[in-house]
Amino acid sequence: MSIINELKKILLDVNINLTELAQALGKRLNKPYSMQNLSNKLRNETITHREMIIIADILGYDLKFVRRDEKR
């Protein structure tokens, strides 16, 4: 599943839209973010790890690596 689809599901769960998320991200990073800019980064999969950590925090989530089961 793509990052944009994963994020859209989470946005629905926490009742926030992409525009509001872009505004909150812009405040955290102290630079302008538009909904279109954020959408393009997600669609093109050019969003940075730092941006994703901040997005997760804004939405009340943690972003972490989880080791897979070795038996796969």
Protein backbone atom coordinates (compact mmCIF):
# COMPACT_ATOMS: atom_id res chain seq x y z
CA MET A 1 0.00 0.00 0.00
CA SER A 2 1.29 3.48 -0.83
CA ILE A 3 2.11 6.05 1.82
CA ILE A 4 -0.63 8.39 0.61
CA ASN A 5 -3.31 5.70 1.01
CA GLU A 6 -2.03 4.77 4.47
CA LEU A 7 -2.07 8.41 5.52
CA LYS A 8 -5.56 9.01 4.11
CA LYS A 9 -6.89 6.18 6.28
CA ILE A 10 -5.27 7.70 9.35
CA LEU A 11 -6.58 11.17 8.49
CA LEU A 12 -10.12 9.76 8.41
CA ASP A 13 -9.57 8.06 11.76
CA VAL A 14 -8.40 11.25 13.47
CA ASN A 15 -10.86 13.52 11.63
CA ILE A 16 -8.36 15.89 10.04
CA ASN A 17 -7.99 16.80 6.38
CA LEU A 18 -4.86 17.19 4.28
CA THR A 19 -5.10 20.99 4.30
CA GLU A 20 -5.16 21.09 8.10
CA LEU A 21 -2.27 18.64 8.23
CA ALA A 22 -0.24 20.76 5.80
CA GLN A 23 -0.87 23.86 7.93
CA ALA A 24 0.19 22.07 11.12
CA LEU A 25 3.29 20.69 9.40
CA GLY A 26 4.18 24.17 8.18
CA LYS A 27 3.91 25.55 11.71
CA ARG A 28 6.14 22.78 13.09
CA LEU A 29 8.77 23.24 10.40
CA ASN A 30 8.40 27.03 10.36
CA LYS A 31 7.97 27.15 6.60
CA PRO A 32 4.99 27.33 4.24
CA TYR A 33 3.32 24.07 3.32
CA SER A 34 0.28 23.90 1.08
CA MET A 35 -2.08 20.99 0.72
CA GLN A 36 -0.92 20.65 -2.88
CA ASN A 37 2.75 20.58 -1.87
CA LEU A 38 2.14 17.90 0.75
CA SER A 39 -0.07 15.91 -1.61
CA ASN A 40 2.62 15.98 -4.32
CA LYS A 41 5.30 14.83 -1.87
CA LEU A 42 3.12 11.93 -0.77
CA ARG A 43 2.07 10.95 -4.29
CA ASN A 44 5.64 11.12 -5.62
CA GLU A 45 6.99 9.43 -2.48
CA THR A 46 9.50 12.24 -1.95
CA ILE A 47 8.48 13.06 1.60
CA THR A 48 11.36 12.97 4.08
CA HIS A 49 11.65 10.76 7.11
CA ARG A 50 11.71 13.87 9.33
CA GLU A 51 8.47 15.12 7.78
CA MET A 52 6.82 11.74 8.34
CA ILE A 53 7.92 11.69 12.00
CA ILE A 54 6.39 15.14 12.49
CA ILE A 55 3.20 14.14 10.66
CA ALA A 56 2.89 11.05 12.86
CA ASP A 57 3.33 13.21 15.95
CA ILE A 58 0.72 15.73 14.78
CA LEU A 59 -1.73 12.86 14.28
CA GLY A 60 -0.93 11.25 17.64
CA TYR A 61 1.04 8.33 16.24
CA ASP A 62 4.58 7.01 16.55
CA LEU A 63 6.63 6.13 13.52
CA LYS A 64 8.98 3.27 14.19
CA PHE A 65 10.72 0.35 12.58
CA VAL A 66 9.51 -3.07 13.68
CA ARG A 67 11.62 -6.13 13.06
CA ARG A 68 9.85 -8.77 10.98
CA ASP A 69 9.45 -12.30 12.16
CA GLU A 70 12.55 -14.26 11.14
CA LYS A 71 10.44 -17.26 9.99
CA ARG A 72 9.17 -15.52 6.83
